[in-house]
N, C-alpha and C. Protein backbone atom coordinates (compact mmCIF):
# COMPACT_ATOMS: atom_id res chain seq x y z
N UNK A 1 -26.61 -6.02 -5.21
CA UNK A 1 -26.11 -6.54 -3.95
C UNK A 1 -25.43 -7.89 -4.20
N UNK A 2 -24.29 -8.07 -3.58
CA UNK A 2 -23.56 -9.32 -3.75
C UNK A 2 -24.23 -10.43 -2.95
N UNK A 3 -24.04 -11.64 -3.44
CA UNK A 3 -24.55 -12.79 -2.70
C UNK A 3 -23.51 -13.20 -1.65
N UNK A 4 -23.92 -14.03 -0.72
CA UNK A 4 -23.03 -14.48 0.34
C UNK A 4 -21.76 -15.14 -0.16
N UNK A 5 -21.87 -16.11 -1.10
CA UNK A 5 -20.66 -16.76 -1.60
C UNK A 5 -19.72 -15.80 -2.33
N UNK A 6 -20.26 -14.82 -3.03
CA UNK A 6 -19.41 -13.85 -3.73
C UNK A 6 -18.66 -12.98 -2.73
N UNK A 7 -19.32 -12.59 -1.66
CA UNK A 7 -18.66 -11.79 -0.62
C UNK A 7 -17.56 -12.61 0.04
N UNK A 8 -17.88 -13.86 0.36
CA UNK A 8 -16.88 -14.73 1.00
C UNK A 8 -15.67 -14.92 0.09
N UNK A 9 -15.91 -15.26 -1.18
CA UNK A 9 -14.81 -15.48 -2.12
C UNK A 9 -14.00 -14.21 -2.32
N UNK A 10 -14.68 -13.08 -2.45
CA UNK A 10 -13.98 -11.81 -2.62
C UNK A 10 -13.09 -11.48 -1.44
N UNK A 11 -13.58 -11.71 -0.24
CA UNK A 11 -12.78 -11.44 0.96
C UNK A 11 -11.59 -12.39 1.07
N UNK A 12 -11.81 -13.66 0.73
CA UNK A 12 -10.71 -14.62 0.78
C UNK A 12 -9.61 -14.23 -0.21
N UNK A 13 -10.00 -13.91 -1.44
CA UNK A 13 -9.02 -13.49 -2.43
C UNK A 13 -8.30 -12.22 -1.99
N UNK A 14 -9.04 -11.25 -1.49
CA UNK A 14 -8.43 -9.98 -1.09
C UNK A 14 -7.47 -10.17 0.09
N UNK A 15 -7.88 -10.95 1.09
CA UNK A 15 -7.00 -11.19 2.23
C UNK A 15 -5.75 -11.96 1.83
N UNK A 16 -5.92 -12.98 0.99
CA UNK A 16 -4.76 -13.74 0.54
C UNK A 16 -3.80 -12.87 -0.26
N UNK A 17 -4.34 -12.10 -1.20
CA UNK A 17 -3.50 -11.24 -2.03
C UNK A 17 -2.76 -10.19 -1.21
N UNK A 18 -3.47 -9.57 -0.28
CA UNK A 18 -2.84 -8.56 0.57
C UNK A 18 -1.77 -9.15 1.46
N UNK A 19 -2.06 -10.30 2.06
CA UNK A 19 -1.08 -10.94 2.94
C UNK A 19 0.14 -11.40 2.16
N UNK A 20 -0.06 -11.95 0.97
CA UNK A 20 1.08 -12.40 0.17
C UNK A 20 1.93 -11.22 -0.28
N UNK A 21 1.30 -10.13 -0.66
CA UNK A 21 2.04 -8.95 -1.07
C UNK A 21 2.83 -8.37 0.10
N UNK A 22 2.22 -8.30 1.27
CA UNK A 22 2.92 -7.80 2.46
C UNK A 22 4.07 -8.72 2.85
N UNK A 23 3.84 -10.02 2.83
CA UNK A 23 4.88 -10.98 3.19
C UNK A 23 6.06 -10.90 2.22
N UNK A 24 5.76 -10.79 0.94
CA UNK A 24 6.83 -10.69 -0.07
C UNK A 24 7.63 -9.42 0.15
N UNK A 25 6.95 -8.30 0.42
CA UNK A 25 7.66 -7.04 0.64
C UNK A 25 8.56 -7.11 1.86
N UNK A 26 8.09 -7.73 2.92
CA UNK A 26 8.90 -7.86 4.14
C UNK A 26 10.13 -8.73 3.86
N UNK A 27 9.94 -9.84 3.16
CA UNK A 27 11.08 -10.73 2.86
C UNK A 27 12.11 -10.03 1.99
N UNK A 28 11.66 -9.27 1.01
CA UNK A 28 12.59 -8.56 0.12
C UNK A 28 13.33 -7.48 0.90
N UNK A 29 12.60 -6.76 1.74
CA UNK A 29 13.23 -5.68 2.51
C UNK A 29 14.28 -6.22 3.48
N UNK A 30 14.05 -7.41 4.03
CA UNK A 30 15.01 -8.01 4.95
C UNK A 30 16.09 -8.80 4.23
N UNK A 31 16.04 -8.79 2.91
CA UNK A 31 16.99 -9.51 2.06
C UNK A 31 17.03 -11.01 2.36
N UNK A 32 15.85 -11.57 2.59
CA UNK A 32 15.71 -13.00 2.81
C UNK A 32 15.06 -13.61 1.57
N UNK A 33 15.32 -14.90 1.31
CA UNK A 33 14.73 -15.51 0.12
C UNK A 33 13.21 -15.63 0.23
N UNK A 34 12.53 -15.41 -0.88
CA UNK A 34 11.09 -15.57 -0.92
C UNK A 34 10.75 -17.04 -1.10
N UNK A 35 11.56 -17.75 -1.88
CA UNK A 35 11.40 -19.20 -2.07
C UNK A 35 12.78 -19.83 -2.07
N UNK A 36 12.92 -20.95 -1.41
CA UNK A 36 14.21 -21.64 -1.33
C UNK A 36 14.57 -22.29 -2.65
N UNK A 37 15.79 -22.11 -3.09
CA UNK A 37 16.28 -22.79 -4.28
C UNK A 37 15.82 -22.20 -5.59
N UNK A 38 15.27 -20.99 -5.56
CA UNK A 38 14.76 -20.35 -6.77
C UNK A 38 15.43 -18.99 -6.88
N UNK A 39 15.61 -18.52 -8.09
CA UNK A 39 16.17 -17.19 -8.31
C UNK A 39 15.35 -16.15 -7.58
N UNK A 40 16.03 -15.19 -6.95
CA UNK A 40 15.33 -14.15 -6.20
C UNK A 40 14.39 -13.35 -7.09
N UNK A 41 14.86 -12.98 -8.26
CA UNK A 41 14.03 -12.19 -9.17
C UNK A 41 12.80 -12.98 -9.60
N UNK A 42 12.97 -14.25 -9.92
CA UNK A 42 11.85 -15.07 -10.36
C UNK A 42 10.84 -15.27 -9.23
N UNK A 43 11.30 -15.53 -8.02
CA UNK A 43 10.37 -15.78 -6.92
C UNK A 43 9.62 -14.52 -6.52
N UNK A 44 10.30 -13.38 -6.51
CA UNK A 44 9.63 -12.12 -6.18
C UNK A 44 8.62 -11.77 -7.26
N UNK A 45 8.99 -11.95 -8.51
CA UNK A 45 8.08 -11.65 -9.61
C UNK A 45 6.83 -12.54 -9.56
N UNK A 46 7.02 -13.81 -9.37
CA UNK A 46 5.88 -14.74 -9.34
C UNK A 46 4.99 -14.47 -8.12
N UNK A 47 5.58 -14.23 -6.96
CA UNK A 47 4.79 -13.96 -5.76
C UNK A 47 4.01 -12.66 -5.91
N UNK A 48 4.65 -11.63 -6.46
CA UNK A 48 3.97 -10.35 -6.65
C UNK A 48 2.85 -10.48 -7.67
N UNK A 49 3.10 -11.18 -8.76
CA UNK A 49 2.07 -11.37 -9.78
C UNK A 49 0.88 -12.14 -9.21
N UNK A 50 1.15 -13.16 -8.44
CA UNK A 50 0.08 -13.94 -7.82
C UNK A 50 -0.73 -13.08 -6.85
N UNK A 51 -0.06 -12.26 -6.09
CA UNK A 51 -0.76 -11.38 -5.14
C UNK A 51 -1.64 -10.37 -5.86
N UNK A 52 -1.13 -9.80 -6.94
CA UNK A 52 -1.91 -8.81 -7.68
C UNK A 52 -3.13 -9.46 -8.34
N UNK A 53 -2.95 -10.66 -8.88
CA UNK A 53 -4.08 -11.38 -9.49
C UNK A 53 -5.13 -11.71 -8.43
N UNK A 54 -4.69 -12.15 -7.25
CA UNK A 54 -5.64 -12.46 -6.18
C UNK A 54 -6.39 -11.21 -5.73
N UNK A 55 -5.69 -10.09 -5.62
CA UNK A 55 -6.36 -8.84 -5.25
C UNK A 55 -7.36 -8.42 -6.32
N UNK A 56 -6.99 -8.56 -7.58
CA UNK A 56 -7.89 -8.21 -8.67
C UNK A 56 -9.14 -9.11 -8.66
N UNK A 57 -8.95 -10.40 -8.42
CA UNK A 57 -10.10 -11.30 -8.32
C UNK A 57 -11.00 -10.94 -7.14
N UNK A 58 -10.39 -10.56 -6.03
CA UNK A 58 -11.17 -10.15 -4.88
C UNK A 58 -12.00 -8.91 -5.17
N UNK A 59 -11.39 -7.93 -5.82
CA UNK A 59 -12.13 -6.72 -6.19
C UNK A 59 -13.23 -7.05 -7.18
N UNK A 60 -12.94 -7.90 -8.12
CA UNK A 60 -13.97 -8.30 -9.12
C UNK A 60 -15.15 -8.99 -8.45
N UNK A 61 -14.86 -9.89 -7.52
CA UNK A 61 -15.95 -10.60 -6.83
C UNK A 61 -16.80 -9.64 -6.01
N UNK A 62 -16.17 -8.64 -5.42
CA UNK A 62 -16.91 -7.73 -4.55
C UNK A 62 -17.64 -6.63 -5.31
N UNK A 63 -17.26 -6.36 -6.56
CA UNK A 63 -17.87 -5.26 -7.29
C UNK A 63 -18.83 -5.69 -8.39
N UNK A 64 -18.89 -6.96 -8.71
CA UNK A 64 -19.80 -7.36 -9.77
C UNK A 64 -21.25 -7.31 -9.25
N UNK A 65 -22.19 -6.98 -10.13
CA UNK A 65 -23.60 -6.80 -9.70
C UNK A 65 -24.28 -8.08 -9.31
């Protein structure tokens, strides 16, 4: 069973990662910049990588014994 802080941290990471991934997808689909003054490819790549890492951390926090 997870402890309270692990559940909280896992949920925060999962919500942040999911929201960032959704926000990035919406911005790309609408052809709007993800970050001002940065290459589109670089900003999408960095935002997606950050979202995936946050989701992975959330899953790790929620599944560890």
